[in-house]
Amino acid sequence: MPVTERARELALTAAQAAADKKAQDIVIIDVGEQLYITDAFVIASASNERQVIAIVDAIEEALLNLPEKVKPVRREGERQGRWVLLDFIDIVVHVQHTEEREFYALDRLWKDCPTVEFVDRDMVDAETA
């Protein structure tokens, strides 16, 4: 089953929160057909550990500020700040240090899955200004 509308909304909210903190290479992958445990992966990169944590915090805050106050059921990897995983059930967010992103290549691992288009609203605003 392809990504649900709820998962799409959560993924786009998480992606925008990451973009607002200057995350790089933000990708939303629809894994609904391949996995039964989640609908989408949001993957984002940061150049240092402090930025990884800042992005993770921004994503959590953005989803908590939604009317349904979405909280992660699991958060892993925060201590090292190299790869933090946030499991929101409908979506799983991976914020990785650039080196981890290149090494583990989740994008390549899930390359057969469709992606959900994400356009940073700041880029749209800059183009229309």
N, C-alpha and C. Protein backbone atom coordinates (compact mmCIF):
# COMPACT_ATOMS: atom_id res chain seq x y z
N MET A 1 0.84 -1.19 0.00
CA MET A 1 0.00 0.00 0.00
C MET A 1 0.88 1.25 0.00
N PRO A 2 0.65 2.17 -0.91
CA PRO A 2 1.48 3.38 -0.94
C PRO A 2 1.29 4.23 0.31
N VAL A 3 2.14 5.22 0.44
CA VAL A 3 2.15 6.09 1.60
C VAL A 3 0.74 6.68 1.83
N THR A 4 0.31 6.67 3.09
CA THR A 4 -1.00 7.24 3.43
C THR A 4 -0.91 8.76 3.45
N GLU A 5 -2.06 9.40 3.40
CA GLU A 5 -2.09 10.86 3.45
C GLU A 5 -1.53 11.38 4.77
N ARG A 6 -1.83 10.69 5.86
CA ARG A 6 -1.30 11.09 7.17
C ARG A 6 0.22 10.99 7.18
N ALA A 7 0.75 9.88 6.67
CA ALA A 7 2.20 9.71 6.62
C ALA A 7 2.84 10.77 5.74
N ARG A 8 2.19 11.08 4.63
CA ARG A 8 2.70 12.12 3.73
C ARG A 8 2.77 13.47 4.46
N GLU A 9 1.72 13.81 5.19
CA GLU A 9 1.70 15.07 5.94
C GLU A 9 2.80 15.10 7.00
N LEU A 10 2.94 14.01 7.74
CA LEU A 10 3.99 13.95 8.77
C LEU A 10 5.37 14.05 8.14
N ALA A 11 5.58 13.33 7.04
CA ALA A 11 6.89 13.33 6.37
C ALA A 11 7.22 14.72 5.84
N LEU A 12 6.26 15.39 5.23
CA LEU A 12 6.50 16.73 4.71
C LEU A 12 6.76 17.74 5.83
N THR A 13 6.06 17.58 6.95
CA THR A 13 6.30 18.45 8.11
C THR A 13 7.70 18.22 8.66
N ALA A 14 8.10 16.96 8.78
CA ALA A 14 9.44 16.63 9.27
C ALA A 14 10.51 17.15 8.31
N ALA A 15 10.28 16.98 7.02
CA ALA A 15 11.25 17.43 6.02
C ALA A 15 11.41 18.94 6.07
N GLN A 16 10.30 19.67 6.22
CA GLN A 16 10.40 21.13 6.28
C GLN A 16 11.12 21.58 7.54
N ALA A 17 10.85 20.91 8.66
CA ALA A 17 11.56 21.24 9.90
C ALA A 17 13.06 21.01 9.74
N ALA A 18 13.42 19.94 9.06
CA ALA A 18 14.84 19.66 8.80
C ALA A 18 15.43 20.74 7.90
N ALA A 19 14.70 21.11 6.86
CA ALA A 19 15.18 22.14 5.94
C ALA A 19 15.36 23.48 6.66
N ASP A 20 14.47 23.77 7.57
CA ASP A 20 14.56 25.02 8.33
C ASP A 20 15.84 25.09 9.17
N LYS A 21 16.39 23.93 9.51
CA LYS A 21 17.65 23.86 10.27
C LYS A 21 18.84 23.57 9.35
N LYS A 22 18.65 23.80 8.06
CA LYS A 22 19.72 23.67 7.07
C LYS A 22 20.20 22.25 6.84
N ALA A 23 19.29 21.29 6.98
CA ALA A 23 19.64 19.90 6.63
C ALA A 23 19.91 19.84 5.13
N GLN A 24 20.70 18.87 4.75
CA GLN A 24 21.08 18.71 3.35
C GLN A 24 20.49 17.43 2.79
N ASP A 25 20.30 17.41 1.48
CA ASP A 25 19.86 16.20 0.77
C ASP A 25 18.65 15.53 1.42
N ILE A 26 17.61 16.28 1.63
CA ILE A 26 16.40 15.74 2.26
C ILE A 26 15.63 14.91 1.24
N VAL A 27 15.31 13.67 1.63
CA VAL A 27 14.59 12.76 0.74
C VAL A 27 13.48 12.09 1.55
N ILE A 28 12.33 11.94 0.91
CA ILE A 28 11.23 11.18 1.50
C ILE A 28 11.01 9.96 0.61
N ILE A 29 11.14 8.79 1.19
CA ILE A 29 11.01 7.54 0.43
C ILE A 29 9.74 6.82 0.88
N ASP A 30 8.89 6.48 -0.07
CA ASP A 30 7.66 5.74 0.18
C ASP A 30 8.01 4.25 0.26
N VAL A 31 8.08 3.74 1.48
CA VAL A 31 8.43 2.33 1.69
C VAL A 31 7.21 1.48 2.03
N GLY A 32 6.02 2.06 1.87
CA GLY A 32 4.78 1.37 2.23
C GLY A 32 4.57 0.04 1.53
N GLU A 33 5.02 -0.08 0.29
CA GLU A 33 4.87 -1.33 -0.46
C GLU A 33 5.87 -2.39 0.00
N GLN A 34 6.99 -1.96 0.57
CA GLN A 34 8.06 -2.87 0.96
C GLN A 34 8.03 -3.26 2.43
N LEU A 35 7.58 -2.35 3.28
CA LEU A 35 7.57 -2.59 4.72
C LEU A 35 6.16 -2.46 5.28
N TYR A 36 5.85 -3.28 6.25
CA TYR A 36 4.55 -3.18 6.89
C TYR A 36 4.62 -2.38 8.18
N ILE A 37 5.83 -2.04 8.62
CA ILE A 37 5.98 -1.36 9.90
C ILE A 37 5.93 0.16 9.80
N THR A 38 6.08 0.71 8.59
CA THR A 38 6.02 2.16 8.41
C THR A 38 5.67 2.46 6.96
N ASP A 39 5.26 3.69 6.71
CA ASP A 39 4.89 4.09 5.35
C ASP A 39 6.00 4.84 4.62
N ALA A 40 6.80 5.60 5.37
CA ALA A 40 7.79 6.44 4.70
C ALA A 40 9.02 6.63 5.57
N PHE A 41 10.14 6.81 4.89
CA PHE A 41 11.39 7.22 5.53
C PHE A 41 11.65 8.67 5.14
N VAL A 42 12.06 9.45 6.10
CA VAL A 42 12.59 10.79 5.81
C VAL A 42 14.07 10.71 6.14
N ILE A 43 14.90 11.05 5.17
CA ILE A 43 16.35 10.99 5.36
C ILE A 43 16.92 12.38 5.13
N ALA A 44 17.75 12.81 6.07
CA ALA A 44 18.39 14.13 5.94
C ALA A 44 19.81 14.03 6.47
N SER A 45 20.67 14.92 5.98
CA SER A 45 22.08 14.93 6.38
C SER A 45 22.45 16.25 7.04
N ALA A 46 23.51 16.18 7.85
CA ALA A 46 24.08 17.37 8.48
C ALA A 46 25.59 17.21 8.50
N SER A 47 26.29 18.33 8.51
CA SER A 47 27.75 18.27 8.41
C SER A 47 28.46 18.06 9.74
N ASN A 48 27.73 18.19 10.87
CA ASN A 48 28.37 17.94 12.16
C ASN A 48 27.34 17.42 13.17
N GLU A 49 27.84 16.91 14.28
CA GLU A 49 26.98 16.28 15.28
C GLU A 49 26.00 17.27 15.91
N ARG A 50 26.45 18.48 16.16
CA ARG A 50 25.58 19.49 16.77
C ARG A 50 24.39 19.79 15.85
N GLN A 51 24.65 19.87 14.57
CA GLN A 51 23.57 20.14 13.63
C GLN A 51 22.61 18.95 13.54
N VAL A 52 23.13 17.74 13.61
CA VAL A 52 22.26 16.55 13.62
C VAL A 52 21.25 16.67 14.76
N ILE A 53 21.74 16.98 15.96
CA ILE A 53 20.87 17.09 17.13
C ILE A 53 19.88 18.23 16.97
N ALA A 54 20.32 19.37 16.42
CA ALA A 54 19.43 20.51 16.21
C ALA A 54 18.31 20.16 15.24
N ILE A 55 18.64 19.43 14.19
CA ILE A 55 17.63 19.01 13.22
C ILE A 55 16.63 18.06 13.87
N VAL A 56 17.13 17.11 14.63
CA VAL A 56 16.25 16.14 15.32
C VAL A 56 15.31 16.88 16.26
N ASP A 57 15.83 17.80 17.04
CA ASP A 57 14.99 18.57 17.96
C ASP A 57 13.92 19.36 17.22
N ALA A 58 14.29 19.96 16.09
CA ALA A 58 13.34 20.75 15.30
C ALA A 58 12.23 19.86 14.74
N ILE A 59 12.58 18.67 14.29
CA ILE A 59 11.58 17.74 13.76
C ILE A 59 10.61 17.32 14.85
N GLU A 60 11.15 16.97 16.01
CA GLU A 60 10.28 16.58 17.12
C GLU A 60 9.34 17.71 17.51
N GLU A 61 9.86 18.92 17.57
CA GLU A 61 9.04 20.07 17.94
C GLU A 61 7.95 20.32 16.90
N ALA A 62 8.30 20.25 15.63
CA ALA A 62 7.32 20.49 14.56
C ALA A 62 6.18 19.48 14.61
N LEU A 63 6.50 18.21 14.83
CA LEU A 63 5.45 17.19 14.87
C LEU A 63 4.64 17.27 16.17
N LEU A 64 5.27 17.71 17.23
CA LEU A 64 4.56 17.91 18.50
C LEU A 64 3.60 19.08 18.41
N ASN A 65 3.91 20.05 17.56
CA ASN A 65 3.05 21.23 17.40
C ASN A 65 1.87 21.00 16.46
N LEU A 66 1.80 19.84 15.83
CA LEU A 66 0.64 19.51 15.01
C LEU A 66 -0.57 19.34 15.93
N PRO A 67 -1.78 19.53 15.42
CA PRO A 67 -2.98 19.39 16.28
C PRO A 67 -3.05 18.05 17.03
N GLU A 68 -2.56 16.96 16.40
CA GLU A 68 -2.62 15.65 17.07
C GLU A 68 -1.39 15.36 17.95
N LYS A 69 -0.47 16.33 18.04
CA LYS A 69 0.71 16.23 18.92
C LYS A 69 1.44 14.89 18.77
N VAL A 70 2.07 14.69 17.65
CA VAL A 70 2.73 13.44 17.33
C VAL A 70 4.09 13.37 18.03
N LYS A 71 4.29 12.29 18.79
CA LYS A 71 5.55 12.06 19.50
C LYS A 71 6.20 10.78 18.98
N PRO A 72 7.53 10.73 18.99
CA PRO A 72 8.18 9.49 18.56
C PRO A 72 7.97 8.39 19.60
N VAL A 73 7.80 7.16 19.11
CA VAL A 73 7.70 6.02 20.02
C VAL A 73 9.08 5.49 20.35
N ARG A 74 10.06 5.87 19.52
CA ARG A 74 11.44 5.43 19.76
C ARG A 74 12.39 6.48 19.20
N ARG A 75 13.47 6.69 19.93
CA ARG A 75 14.52 7.63 19.51
C ARG A 75 15.84 6.96 19.81
N GLU A 76 16.66 6.76 18.77
CA GLU A 76 17.93 6.06 18.95
C GLU A 76 19.08 6.85 18.35
N GLY A 77 20.26 6.74 18.95
CA GLY A 77 21.47 7.30 18.40
C GLY A 77 21.80 8.71 18.80
N GLU A 78 21.02 9.29 19.69
CA GLU A 78 21.22 10.69 20.03
C GLU A 78 22.55 10.95 20.73
N ARG A 79 22.98 10.04 21.55
CA ARG A 79 24.21 10.25 22.32
C ARG A 79 25.41 10.52 21.43
N GLN A 80 25.54 9.77 20.36
CA GLN A 80 26.67 9.95 19.46
C GLN A 80 26.46 11.13 18.50
N GLY A 81 25.23 11.42 18.14
CA GLY A 81 24.93 12.51 17.24
C GLY A 81 25.40 12.30 15.81
N ARG A 82 25.61 11.06 15.43
CA ARG A 82 26.06 10.76 14.06
C ARG A 82 24.91 10.25 13.20
N TRP A 83 23.99 9.53 13.81
CA TRP A 83 22.82 9.02 13.10
C TRP A 83 21.73 8.86 14.14
N VAL A 84 20.72 9.70 14.04
CA VAL A 84 19.60 9.63 14.98
C VAL A 84 18.38 9.14 14.21
N LEU A 85 17.72 8.16 14.80
CA LEU A 85 16.51 7.59 14.22
C LEU A 85 15.34 7.97 15.11
N LEU A 86 14.30 8.53 14.49
CA LEU A 86 13.05 8.85 15.19
C LEU A 86 11.94 8.01 14.57
N ASP A 87 11.29 7.19 15.38
CA ASP A 87 10.21 6.33 14.89
C ASP A 87 8.88 6.92 15.32
N PHE A 88 8.12 7.42 14.35
CA PHE A 88 6.80 7.98 14.61
C PHE A 88 5.70 7.01 14.15
N ILE A 89 6.02 5.77 13.96
CA ILE A 89 5.17 4.68 13.46
C ILE A 89 4.81 4.88 11.99
N ASP A 90 4.10 5.96 11.65
CA ASP A 90 3.72 6.20 10.26
C ASP A 90 4.93 6.56 9.40
N ILE A 91 5.91 7.21 10.03
CA ILE A 91 7.15 7.56 9.34
C ILE A 91 8.32 7.25 10.27
N VAL A 92 9.47 7.02 9.66
CA VAL A 92 10.72 6.87 10.41
C VAL A 92 11.68 7.91 9.83
N VAL A 93 12.24 8.72 10.72
CA VAL A 93 13.14 9.79 10.31
C VAL A 93 14.57 9.38 10.63
N HIS A 94 15.45 9.53 9.64
CA HIS A 94 16.88 9.27 9.81
C HIS A 94 17.61 10.59 9.58
N VAL A 95 18.26 11.11 10.62
CA VAL A 95 19.10 12.28 10.44
C VAL A 95 20.53 11.80 10.64
N GLN A 96 21.32 11.92 9.59
CA GLN A 96 22.65 11.33 9.59
C GLN A 96 23.73 12.39 9.34
N HIS A 97 24.85 12.17 10.00
CA HIS A 97 26.05 12.94 9.66
C HIS A 97 26.37 12.59 8.21
N THR A 98 26.88 13.53 7.47
CA THR A 98 27.16 13.33 6.04
C THR A 98 27.98 12.07 5.79
N GLU A 99 28.98 11.81 6.64
CA GLU A 99 29.81 10.61 6.44
C GLU A 99 29.01 9.32 6.61
N GLU A 100 28.12 9.28 7.59
CA GLU A 100 27.28 8.10 7.79
C GLU A 100 26.32 7.93 6.61
N ARG A 101 25.82 9.04 6.12
CA ARG A 101 24.89 8.99 4.98
C ARG A 101 25.57 8.36 3.77
N GLU A 102 26.79 8.77 3.52
CA GLU A 102 27.54 8.21 2.38
C GLU A 102 27.87 6.74 2.61
N PHE A 103 28.28 6.40 3.82
CA PHE A 103 28.71 5.03 4.10
C PHE A 103 27.54 4.04 4.05
N TYR A 104 26.44 4.37 4.73
CA TYR A 104 25.32 3.43 4.82
C TYR A 104 24.39 3.49 3.61
N ALA A 105 24.38 4.59 2.90
CA ALA A 105 23.67 4.74 1.63
C ALA A 105 22.23 4.21 1.65
N LEU A 106 21.44 4.69 2.60
CA LEU A 106 20.04 4.26 2.68
C LEU A 106 19.29 4.59 1.39
N ASP A 107 19.64 5.71 0.78
CA ASP A 107 18.99 6.09 -0.48
C ASP A 107 19.17 5.00 -1.53
N ARG A 108 20.37 4.47 -1.61
CA ARG A 108 20.67 3.43 -2.59
C ARG A 108 19.99 2.11 -2.20
N LEU A 109 19.95 1.83 -0.92
CA LEU A 109 19.30 0.60 -0.44
C LEU A 109 17.82 0.56 -0.81
N TRP A 110 17.16 1.72 -0.76
CA TRP A 110 15.73 1.81 -1.04
C TRP A 110 15.44 2.44 -2.40
N LYS A 111 16.39 2.39 -3.32
CA LYS A 111 16.27 3.07 -4.61
C LYS A 111 15.10 2.59 -5.46
N ASP A 112 14.61 1.38 -5.22
CA ASP A 112 13.49 0.85 -6.00
C ASP A 112 12.14 1.40 -5.53
N CYS A 113 12.13 2.07 -4.40
CA CYS A 113 10.89 2.63 -3.86
C CYS A 113 10.67 4.04 -4.42
N PRO A 114 9.41 4.41 -4.60
CA PRO A 114 9.14 5.77 -5.08
C PRO A 114 9.46 6.80 -4.00
N THR A 115 9.68 8.02 -4.44
CA THR A 115 9.92 9.11 -3.49
C THR A 115 8.70 10.02 -3.47
N VAL A 116 8.59 10.76 -2.38
CA VAL A 116 7.55 11.78 -2.24
C VAL A 116 8.23 13.11 -2.46
N GLU A 117 7.68 13.90 -3.35
CA GLU A 117 8.31 15.18 -3.68
C GLU A 117 8.26 16.13 -2.48
N PHE A 118 9.41 16.71 -2.19
CA PHE A 118 9.50 17.73 -1.14
C PHE A 118 10.20 18.95 -1.72
N VAL A 119 9.56 20.10 -1.56
CA VAL A 119 10.16 21.36 -1.98
C VAL A 119 10.20 22.26 -0.76
N ASP A 120 11.40 22.68 -0.41
CA ASP A 120 11.61 23.57 0.73
C ASP A 120 10.85 24.88 0.48
N ARG A 121 9.97 25.25 1.41
CA ARG A 121 9.17 26.47 1.21
C ARG A 121 10.04 27.72 1.12
N ASP A 122 11.22 27.71 1.76
CA ASP A 122 12.10 28.86 1.66
C ASP A 122 12.64 29.01 0.24
N MET A 123 12.86 27.91 -0.45
CA MET A 123 13.31 27.97 -1.84
C MET A 123 12.21 28.52 -2.74
N VAL A 124 10.98 28.13 -2.47
CA VAL A 124 9.84 28.63 -3.24
C VAL A 124 9.68 30.12 -2.99
N ASP A 125 9.77 30.55 -1.72
CA ASP A 125 9.66 31.96 -1.38
C ASP A 125 10.75 32.78 -2.05
N ALA A 126 11.98 32.23 -2.10
CA ALA A 126 13.10 32.94 -2.71
C ALA A 126 12.90 33.09 -4.22
N GLU A 127 12.30 32.10 -4.85
CA GLU A 127 12.07 32.14 -6.29
C GLU A 127 10.97 33.13 -6.65
N THR A 128 9.97 33.28 -5.78
CA THR A 128 8.85 34.18 -6.07
C THR A 128 9.14 35.62 -5.65
N ALA A 129 10.20 35.83 -4.89
CA ALA A 129 10.52 37.18 -4.43
C ALA A 129 11.20 38.00 -5.50
